[in-house]
Amino acid sequence: MKQGQYSQEQIAALLRRAEMGEQSISAVCRDAGITQTTFYRWRTRFGTMSVSEAQRLKELESENARLKRLLAERDLEVDALQAYLAKKP
């Protein structure tokens, strides 16, 4: 899947700018080079998230991915040990 060109912090800032009423949604979308559909999808996902909350979300997602990888590796090790012990006379 193609990674977007906007970080979560940038998305939160764009949403905040539209929410504050500085510009209309169509103007924000035009300046950012995105469609209104993308804007509304982002708004659904990030809602009223601040920039610091977006950064924290990114950190939590990366930590979660790391922990899932560690768990998968541990499961493989346990599986290999059980297979070894089952074959041992």
PDB file of N, CA and C in Angstrom:
ATOM      1  N   MET A   1       0.833  -1.173   0.000  1.00  0.00           N
ATOM      2  CA  MET A   1       0.000   0.000   0.000  1.00  0.00           C
ATOM      3  C   MET A   1       0.879   1.237   0.000  1.00  0.00           C
ATOM      4  N   LYS A   2       0.525   2.212  -0.797  1.00  0.00           N
ATOM      5  CA  LYS A   2       1.327   3.419  -0.926  1.00  0.00           C
ATOM      6  C   LYS A   2       1.226   4.265   0.340  1.00  0.00           C
ATOM      7  N   GLN A   3       2.369   4.678   0.826  1.00  0.00           N
ATOM      8  CA  GLN A   3       2.420   5.531   2.004  1.00  0.00           C
ATOM      9  C   GLN A   3       2.108   6.960   1.590  1.00  0.00           C
ATOM     10  N   GLY A   4       1.293   7.632   2.347  1.00  0.00           N
ATOM     11  CA  GLY A   4       0.890   8.998   2.030  1.00  0.00           C
ATOM     12  C   GLY A   4       2.034   9.979   2.156  1.00  0.00           C
ATOM     13  N   GLN A   5       1.827  11.136   1.581  1.00  0.00           N
ATOM     14  CA  GLN A   5       2.875  12.147   1.635  1.00  0.00           C
ATOM     15  C   GLN A   5       2.734  13.052   2.847  1.00  0.00           C
ATOM     16  N   TYR A   6       1.661  12.886   3.620  1.00  0.00           N
ATOM     17  CA  TYR A   6       1.427  13.704   4.796  1.00  0.00           C
ATOM     18  C   TYR A   6       1.598  12.871   6.052  1.00  0.00           C
ATOM     19  N   SER A   7       2.306  13.431   7.040  1.00  0.00           N
ATOM     20  CA  SER A   7       2.443  12.754   8.322  1.00  0.00           C
ATOM     21  C   SER A   7       1.175  12.995   9.131  1.00  0.00           C
ATOM     22  N   GLN A   8       1.037  12.264  10.196  1.00  0.00           N
ATOM     23  CA  GLN A   8      -0.138  12.418  11.039  1.00  0.00           C
ATOM     24  C   GLN A   8      -0.191  13.818  11.657  1.00  0.00           C
ATOM     25  N   GLU A   9       0.972  14.374  11.951  1.00  0.00           N
ATOM     26  CA  GLU A   9       1.020  15.718  12.512  1.00  0.00           C
ATOM     27  C   GLU A   9       0.537  16.749  11.489  1.00  0.00           C
ATOM     28  N   GLN A  10       0.949  16.577  10.237  1.00  0.00           N
ATOM     29  CA  GLN A  10       0.517  17.491   9.182  1.00  0.00           C
ATOM     30  C   GLN A  10      -0.988  17.373   8.939  1.00  0.00           C
ATOM     31  N   ILE A  11      -1.499  16.160   8.984  1.00  0.00           N
ATOM     32  CA  ILE A  11      -2.928  15.945   8.797  1.00  0.00           C
ATOM     33  C   ILE A  11      -3.707  16.631   9.914  1.00  0.00           C
ATOM     34  N   ALA A  12      -3.233  16.472  11.157  1.00  0.00           N
ATOM     35  CA  ALA A  12      -3.905  17.105  12.295  1.00  0.00           C
ATOM     36  C   ALA A  12      -3.893  18.624  12.141  1.00  0.00           C
ATOM     37  N   ALA A  13      -2.797  19.175  11.653  1.00  0.00           N
ATOM     38  CA  ALA A  13      -2.717  20.623  11.455  1.00  0.00           C
ATOM     39  C   ALA A  13      -3.689  21.082  10.365  1.00  0.00           C
ATOM     40  N   LEU A  14      -3.806  20.316   9.278  1.00  0.00           N
ATOM     41  CA  LEU A  14      -4.758  20.658   8.221  1.00  0.00           C
ATOM     42  C   LEU A  14      -6.196  20.619   8.734  1.00  0.00           C
ATOM     43  N   LEU A  15      -6.517  19.587   9.496  1.00  0.00           N
ATOM     44  CA  LEU A  15      -7.863  19.475  10.053  1.00  0.00           C
ATOM     45  C   LEU A  15      -8.154  20.618  11.012  1.00  0.00           C
ATOM     46  N   ARG A  16      -7.180  20.979  11.812  1.00  0.00           N
ATOM     47  CA  ARG A  16      -7.336  22.075  12.767  1.00  0.00           C
ATOM     48  C   ARG A  16      -7.582  23.392  12.042  1.00  0.00           C
ATOM     49  N   ARG A  17      -6.851  23.595  10.933  1.00  0.00           N
ATOM     50  CA  ARG A  17      -6.998  24.832  10.163  1.00  0.00           C
ATOM     51  C   ARG A  17      -8.413  24.954   9.605  1.00  0.00           C
ATOM     52  N   ALA A  18      -8.960  23.861   9.138  1.00  0.00           N
ATOM     53  CA  ALA A  18     -10.322  23.885   8.603  1.00  0.00           C
ATOM     54  C   ALA A  18     -11.334  24.040   9.733  1.00  0.00           C
ATOM     55  N   GLU A  19     -11.061  23.424  10.872  1.00  0.00           N
ATOM     56  CA  GLU A  19     -11.977  23.483  12.002  1.00  0.00           C
ATOM     57  C   GLU A  19     -12.049  24.891  12.594  1.00  0.00           C
ATOM     58  N   MET A  20     -10.915  25.573  12.608  1.00  0.00           N
ATOM     59  CA  MET A  20     -10.863  26.921  13.171  1.00  0.00           C
ATOM     60  C   MET A  20     -11.596  27.934  12.299  1.00  0.00           C
ATOM     61  N   GLY A  21     -11.857  27.565  11.080  1.00  0.00           N
ATOM     62  CA  GLY A  21     -12.555  28.480  10.186  1.00  0.00           C
ATOM     63  C   GLY A  21     -11.638  29.452   9.477  1.00  0.00           C
ATOM     64  N   GLU A  22     -10.343  29.203   9.539  1.00  0.00           N
ATOM     65  CA  GLU A  22      -9.396  30.067   8.834  1.00  0.00           C
ATOM     66  C   GLU A  22      -9.658  30.026   7.338  1.00  0.00           C
ATOM     67  N   GLN A  23      -9.976  28.844   6.851  1.00  0.00           N
ATOM     68  CA  GLN A  23     -10.268  28.643   5.438  1.00  0.00           C
ATOM     69  C   GLN A  23     -11.417  27.655   5.332  1.00  0.00           C
ATOM     70  N   SER A  24     -12.083  27.680   4.196  1.00  0.00           N
ATOM     71  CA  SER A  24     -13.126  26.685   3.973  1.00  0.00           C
ATOM     72  C   SER A  24     -12.464  25.332   3.698  1.00  0.00           C
ATOM     73  N   ILE A  25     -13.252  24.286   3.804  1.00  0.00           N
ATOM     74  CA  ILE A  25     -12.726  22.936   3.579  1.00  0.00           C
ATOM     75  C   ILE A  25     -12.203  22.799   2.158  1.00  0.00           C
ATOM     76  N   SER A  26     -12.925  23.358   1.199  1.00  0.00           N
ATOM     77  CA  SER A  26     -12.479  23.251  -0.194  1.00  0.00           C
ATOM     78  C   SER A  26     -11.162  23.997  -0.406  1.00  0.00           C
ATOM     79  N   ALA A  27     -10.976  25.136   0.282  1.00  0.00           N
ATOM     80  CA  ALA A  27      -9.723  25.889   0.154  1.00  0.00           C
ATOM     81  C   ALA A  27      -8.561  25.125   0.790  1.00  0.00           C
ATOM     82  N   VAL A  28      -8.809  24.509   1.933  1.00  0.00           N
ATOM     83  CA  VAL A  28      -7.764  23.721   2.599  1.00  0.00           C
ATOM     84  C   VAL A  28      -7.362  22.552   1.708  1.00  0.00           C
ATOM     85  N   CYS A  29      -8.367  21.892   1.126  1.00  0.00           N
ATOM     86  CA  CYS A  29      -8.090  20.751   0.250  1.00  0.00           C
ATOM     87  C   CYS A  29      -7.310  21.188  -0.989  1.00  0.00           C
ATOM     88  N   ARG A  30      -7.682  22.303  -1.550  1.00  0.00           N
ATOM     89  CA  ARG A  30      -7.005  22.806  -2.746  1.00  0.00           C
ATOM     90  C   ARG A  30      -5.551  23.165  -2.433  1.00  0.00           C
ATOM     91  N   ASP A  31      -5.326  23.845  -1.300  1.00  0.00           N
ATOM     92  CA  ASP A  31      -3.961  24.217  -0.911  1.00  0.00           C
ATOM     93  C   ASP A  31      -3.093  22.996  -0.616  1.00  0.00           C
ATOM     94  N   ALA A  32      -3.710  21.964  -0.024  1.00  0.00           N
ATOM     95  CA  ALA A  32      -2.959  20.768   0.337  1.00  0.00           C
ATOM     96  C   ALA A  32      -2.815  19.800  -0.833  1.00  0.00           C
ATOM     97  N   GLY A  33      -3.627  19.990  -1.880  1.00  0.00           N
ATOM     98  CA  GLY A  33      -3.558  19.100  -3.033  1.00  0.00           C
ATOM     99  C   GLY A  33      -4.223  17.761  -2.779  1.00  0.00           C
ATOM    100  N   ILE A  34      -5.291  17.775  -2.002  1.00  0.00           N
ATOM    101  CA  ILE A  34      -6.022  16.545  -1.705  1.00  0.00           C
ATOM    102  C   ILE A  34      -7.482  16.723  -2.113  1.00  0.00           C
ATOM    103  N   THR A  35      -8.190  15.609  -2.206  1.00  0.00           N
ATOM    104  CA  THR A  35      -9.612  15.689  -2.526  1.00  0.00           C
ATOM    105  C   THR A  35     -10.400  15.875  -1.231  1.00  0.00           C
ATOM    106  N   GLN A  36     -11.637  16.303  -1.382  1.00  0.00           N
ATOM    107  CA  GLN A  36     -12.482  16.466  -0.199  1.00  0.00           C
ATOM    108  C   GLN A  36     -12.791  15.116   0.436  1.00  0.00           C
ATOM    109  N   THR A  37     -12.845  14.074  -0.384  1.00  0.00           N
ATOM    110  CA  THR A  37     -13.063  12.727   0.148  1.00  0.00           C
ATOM    111  C   THR A  37     -11.939  12.345   1.100  1.00  0.00           C
ATOM    112  N   THR A  38     -10.702  12.647   0.705  1.00  0.00           N
ATOM    113  CA  THR A  38      -9.552  12.371   1.564  1.00  0.00           C
ATOM    114  C   THR A  38      -9.650  13.163   2.847  1.00  0.00           C
ATOM    115  N   PHE A  39     -10.038  14.428   2.745  1.00  0.00           N
ATOM    116  CA  PHE A  39     -10.184  15.283   3.925  1.00  0.00           C
ATOM    117  C   PHE A  39     -11.185  14.684   4.906  1.00  0.00           C
ATOM    118  N   TYR A  40     -12.343  14.273   4.405  1.00  0.00           N
ATOM    119  CA  TYR A  40     -13.367  13.725   5.282  1.00  0.00           C
ATOM    120  C   TYR A  40     -12.960  12.368   5.863  1.00  0.00           C
ATOM    121  N   ARG A  41     -12.204  11.601   5.097  1.00  0.00           N
ATOM    122  CA  ARG A  41     -11.692  10.323   5.612  1.00  0.00           C
ATOM    123  C   ARG A  41     -10.710  10.588   6.752  1.00  0.00           C
ATOM    124  N   TRP A  42      -9.826  11.576   6.564  1.00  0.00           N
ATOM    125  CA  TRP A  42      -8.892  11.956   7.617  1.00  0.00           C
ATOM    126  C   TRP A  42      -9.643  12.456   8.845  1.00  0.00           C
ATOM    127  N   ARG A  43     -10.675  13.255   8.616  1.00  0.00           N
ATOM    128  CA  ARG A  43     -11.434  13.809   9.737  1.00  0.00           C
ATOM    129  C   ARG A  43     -12.116  12.694  10.525  1.00  0.00           C
ATOM    130  N   THR A  44     -12.584  11.674   9.819  1.00  0.00           N
ATOM    131  CA  THR A  44     -13.193  10.532  10.498  1.00  0.00           C
ATOM    132  C   THR A  44     -12.152   9.780  11.325  1.00  0.00           C
ATOM    133  N   ARG A  45     -10.966   9.626  10.787  1.00  0.00           N
ATOM    134  CA  ARG A  45      -9.931   8.860  11.477  1.00  0.00           C
ATOM    135  C   ARG A  45      -9.297   9.644  12.620  1.00  0.00           C
ATOM    136  N   PHE A  46      -8.957  10.901  12.378  1.00  0.00           N
ATOM    137  CA  PHE A  46      -8.218  11.677  13.369  1.00  0.00           C
ATOM    138  C   PHE A  46      -9.096  12.598  14.201  1.00  0.00           C
ATOM    139  N   GLY A  47     -10.287  12.928  13.708  1.00  0.00           N
ATOM    140  CA  GLY A  47     -11.233  13.732  14.463  1.00  0.00           C
ATOM    141  C   GLY A  47     -10.647  15.025  14.986  1.00  0.00           C
ATOM    142  N   THR A  48     -10.778  15.222  16.276  1.00  0.00           N
ATOM    143  CA  THR A  48     -10.305  16.465  16.896  1.00  0.00           C
ATOM    144  C   THR A  48      -8.951  16.253  17.569  1.00  0.00           C
ATOM    145  N   MET A  49      -8.158  15.404  16.999  1.00  0.00           N
ATOM    146  CA  MET A  49      -6.851  15.069  17.553  1.00  0.00           C
ATOM    147  C   MET A  49      -5.893  16.253  17.392  1.00  0.00           C
ATOM    148  N   SER A  50      -5.156  16.544  18.462  1.00  0.00           N
ATOM    149  CA  SER A  50      -4.151  17.599  18.372  1.00  0.00           C
ATOM    150  C   SER A  50      -2.859  17.025  17.792  1.00  0.00           C
ATOM    151  N   VAL A  51      -1.923  17.898  17.509  1.00  0.00           N
ATOM    152  CA  VAL A  51      -0.651  17.460  16.920  1.00  0.00           C
ATOM    153  C   VAL A  51       0.097  16.546  17.886  1.00  0.00           C
ATOM    154  N   SER A  52       0.100  16.886  19.168  1.00  0.00           N
ATOM    155  CA  SER A  52       0.804  16.047  20.146  1.00  0.00           C
ATOM    156  C   SER A  52       0.133  14.681  20.286  1.00  0.00           C
ATOM    157  N   GLU A  53      -1.192  14.655  20.191  1.00  0.00           N
ATOM    158  CA  GLU A  53      -1.902  13.377  20.247  1.00  0.00           C
ATOM    159  C   GLU A  53      -1.597  12.533  19.009  1.00  0.00           C
ATOM    160  N   ALA A  54      -1.454  13.179  17.859  1.00  0.00           N
ATOM    161  CA  ALA A  54      -1.114  12.459  16.634  1.00  0.00           C
ATOM    162  C   ALA A  54       0.291  11.851  16.750  1.00  0.00           C
ATOM    163  N   GLN A  55       1.208  12.599  17.338  1.00  0.00           N
ATOM    164  CA  GLN A  55       2.554  12.075  17.540  1.00  0.00           C
ATOM    165  C   GLN A  55       2.526  10.883  18.490  1.00  0.00           C
ATOM    166  N   ARG A  56       1.734  10.984  19.537  1.00  0.00           N
ATOM    167  CA  ARG A  56       1.626   9.890  20.504  1.00  0.00           C
ATOM    168  C   ARG A  56       0.999   8.657  19.849  1.00  0.00           C
ATOM    169  N   LEU A  57      -0.008   8.874  18.998  1.00  0.00           N
ATOM    170  CA  LEU A  57      -0.630   7.765  18.274  1.00  0.00           C
ATOM    171  C   LEU A  57       0.394   7.050  17.399  1.00  0.00           C
ATOM    172  N   LYS A  58       1.232   7.822  16.722  1.00  0.00           N
ATOM    173  CA  LYS A  58       2.261   7.238  15.865  1.00  0.00           C
ATOM    174  C   LYS A  58       3.243   6.405  16.698  1.00  0.00           C
ATOM    175  N   GLU A  59       3.636   6.930  17.863  1.00  0.00           N
ATOM    176  CA  GLU A  59       4.541   6.195  18.740  1.00  0.00           C
ATOM    177  C   GLU A  59       3.906   4.895  19.229  1.00  0.00           C
ATOM    178  N   LEU A  60       2.638   4.967  19.606  1.00  0.00           N
ATOM    179  CA  LEU A  60       1.945   3.776  20.096  1.00  0.00           C
ATOM    180  C   LEU A  60       1.786   2.729  19.002  1.00  0.00           C
ATOM    181  N   GLU A  61       1.513   3.173  17.781  1.00  0.00           N
ATOM    182  CA  GLU A  61       1.382   2.225  16.672  1.00  0.00           C
ATOM    183  C   GLU A  61       2.696   1.523  16.388  1.00  0.00           C
ATOM    184  N   SER A  62       3.796   2.258  16.422  1.00  0.00           N
ATOM    185  CA  SER A  62       5.095   1.624  16.167  1.00  0.00           C
ATOM    186  C   SER A  62       5.478   0.681  17.310  1.00  0.00           C
ATOM    187  N   GLU A  63       5.168   1.070  18.543  1.00  0.00           N
ATOM    188  CA  GLU A  63       5.452   0.194  19.674  1.00  0.00           C
ATOM    189  C   GLU A  63       4.598  -1.073  19.601  1.00  0.00           C
ATOM    190  N   ASN A  64       3.359  -0.923  19.215  1.00  0.00           N
ATOM    191  CA  ASN A  64       2.463  -2.070  19.071  1.00  0.00           C
ATOM    192  C   ASN A  64       2.983  -3.032  18.004  1.00  0.00           C
ATOM    193  N   ALA A  65       3.444  -2.494  16.884  1.00  0.00           N
ATOM    194  CA  ALA A  65       3.998  -3.335  15.821  1.00  0.00           C
ATOM    195  C   ALA A  65       5.233  -4.086  16.305  1.00  0.00           C
ATOM    196  N   ARG A  66       6.081  -3.410  17.076  1.00  0.00           N
ATOM    197  CA  ARG A  66       7.286  -4.042  17.615  1.00  0.00           C
ATOM    198  C   ARG A  66       6.927  -5.171  18.573  1.00  0.00           C
ATOM    199  N   LEU A  67       5.943  -4.925  19.434  1.00  0.00           N
ATOM    200  CA  LEU A  67       5.527  -5.949  20.384  1.00  0.00           C
ATOM    201  C   LEU A  67       4.893  -7.148  19.692  1.00  0.00           C
ATOM    202  N   LYS A  68       4.138  -6.904  18.633  1.00  0.00           N
ATOM    203  CA  LYS A  68       3.551  -8.011  17.874  1.00  0.00           C
ATOM    204  C   LYS A  68       4.639  -8.857  17.227  1.00  0.00           C
ATOM    205  N   ARG A  69       5.681  -8.197  16.712  1.00  0.00           N
ATOM    206  CA  ARG A  69       6.805  -8.923  16.121  1.00  0.00           C
ATOM    207  C   ARG A  69       7.503  -9.786  17.168  1.00  0.00           C
ATOM    208  N   LEU A  70       7.731  -9.198  18.365  1.00  0.00           N
ATOM    209  CA  LEU A  70       8.374  -9.947  19.443  1.00  0.00           C
ATOM    210  C   LEU A  70       7.542 -11.152  19.858  1.00  0.00           C
ATOM    211  N   LEU A  71       6.237 -10.973  19.942  1.00  0.00           N
ATOM    212  CA  LEU A  71       5.353 -12.074  20.310  1.00  0.00           C
ATOM    213  C   LEU A  71       5.392 -13.178  19.258  1.00  0.00           C
ATOM    214  N   ALA A  72       5.395 -12.803  17.994  1.00  0.00           N
ATOM    215  CA  ALA A  72       5.457 -13.803  16.917  1.00  0.00           C
ATOM    216  C   ALA A  72       6.772 -14.579  16.987  1.00  0.00           C
ATOM    217  N   GLU A  73       7.874 -13.877  17.244  1.00  0.00           N
ATOM    218  CA  GLU A  73       9.164 -14.553  17.362  1.00  0.00           C
ATOM    219  C   GLU A  73       9.173 -15.502  18.561  1.00  0.00           C
ATOM    220  N   ARG A  74       8.599 -15.056  19.667  1.00  0.00           N
ATOM    221  CA  ARG A  74       8.548 -15.896  20.870  1.00  0.00           C
ATOM    222  C   ARG A  74       7.692 -17.133  20.621  1.00  0.00           C
ATOM    223  N   ASP A  75       6.580 -16.963  19.929  1.00  0.00           N
ATOM    224  CA  ASP A  75       5.723 -18.114  19.603  1.00  0.00           C
ATOM    225  C   ASP A  75       6.468 -19.121  18.734  1.00  0.00           C
ATOM    226  N   LEU A  76       7.271 -18.634  17.789  1.00  0.00           N
ATOM    227  CA  LEU A  76       8.048 -19.535  16.950  1.00  0.00           C
ATOM    228  C   LEU A  76       9.078 -20.304  17.776  1.00  0.00           C
ATOM    229  N   GLU A  77       9.711 -19.607  18.732  1.00  0.00           N
ATOM    230  CA  GLU A  77      10.696 -20.267  19.582  1.00  0.00           C
ATOM    231  C   GLU A  77      10.041 -21.352  20.441  1.00  0.00           C
ATOM    232  N   VAL A  78       8.899 -21.034  21.011  1.00  0.00           N
ATOM    233  CA  VAL A  78       8.189 -22.000  21.847  1.00  0.00           C
ATOM    234  C   VAL A  78       7.756 -23.197  21.015  1.00  0.00           C
ATOM    235  N   ASP A  79       7.264 -22.937  19.827  1.00  0.00           N
ATOM    236  CA  ASP A  79       6.837 -24.010  18.926  1.00  0.00           C
ATOM    237  C   ASP A  79       8.019 -24.920  18.567  1.00  0.00           C
ATOM    238  N   ALA A  80       9.159 -24.326  18.277  1.00  0.00           N
ATOM    239  CA  ALA A  80      10.345 -25.113  17.923  1.00  0.00           C
ATOM    240  C   ALA A  80      10.808 -25.960  19.111  1.00  0.00           C
ATOM    241  N   LEU A  81      10.784 -25.379  20.317  1.00  0.00           N
ATOM    242  CA  LEU A  81      11.177 -26.127  21.509  1.00  0.00           C
ATOM    243  C   LEU A  81      10.220 -27.283  21.781  1.00  0.00           C
ATOM    244  N   GLN A  82       8.927 -27.048  21.613  1.00  0.00           N
ATOM    245  CA  GLN A  82       7.959 -28.123  21.837  1.00  0.00           C
ATOM    246  C   GLN A  82       8.136 -29.233  20.815  1.00  0.00           C
ATOM    247  N   ALA A  83       8.418 -28.895  19.585  1.00  0.00           N
ATOM    248  CA  ALA A  83       8.651 -29.906  18.550  1.00  0.00           C
ATOM    249  C   ALA A  83       9.915 -30.695  18.861  1.00  0.00           C
ATOM    250  N   TYR A  84      10.947 -30.012  19.343  1.00  0.00           N
ATOM    251  CA  TYR A  84      12.196 -30.684  19.704  1.00  0.00           C
ATOM    252  C   TYR A  84      11.990 -31.629  20.873  1.00  0.00           C
ATOM    253  N   LEU A  85      11.271 -31.169  21.904  1.00  0.00           N
ATOM    254  CA  LEU A  85      11.035 -32.004  23.071  1.00  0.00           C
ATOM    255  C   LEU A  85      10.115 -33.189  22.761  1.00  0.00           C
ATOM    256  N   ALA A  86       9.210 -33.017  21.816  1.00  0.00           N
ATOM    257  CA  ALA A  86       8.309 -34.106  21.442  1.00  0.00           C
ATOM    258  C   ALA A  86       9.060 -35.215  20.701  1.00  0.00           C
ATOM    259  N   LYS A  87      10.077 -34.865  19.945  1.00  0.00           N
ATOM    260  CA  LYS A  87      10.863 -35.854  19.188  1.00  0.00           C
ATOM    261  C   LYS A  87      11.916 -36.524  20.046  1.00  0.00           C
ATOM    262  N   LYS A  88      12.320 -35.895  21.122  1.00  0.00           N
ATOM    263  CA  LYS A  88      13.386 -36.415  21.965  1.00  0.00           C
ATOM    264  C   LYS A  88      12.893 -37.672  22.702  1.00  0.00           C
ATOM    265  N   PRO A  89      13.671 -38.793  22.626  1.00  0.00           N
ATOM    266  CA  PRO A  89      13.223 -40.035  23.291  1.00  0.00           C
ATOM    267  C   PRO A  89      13.379 -40.022  24.780  1.00  0.00           C
TER     268      PRO A  89
END
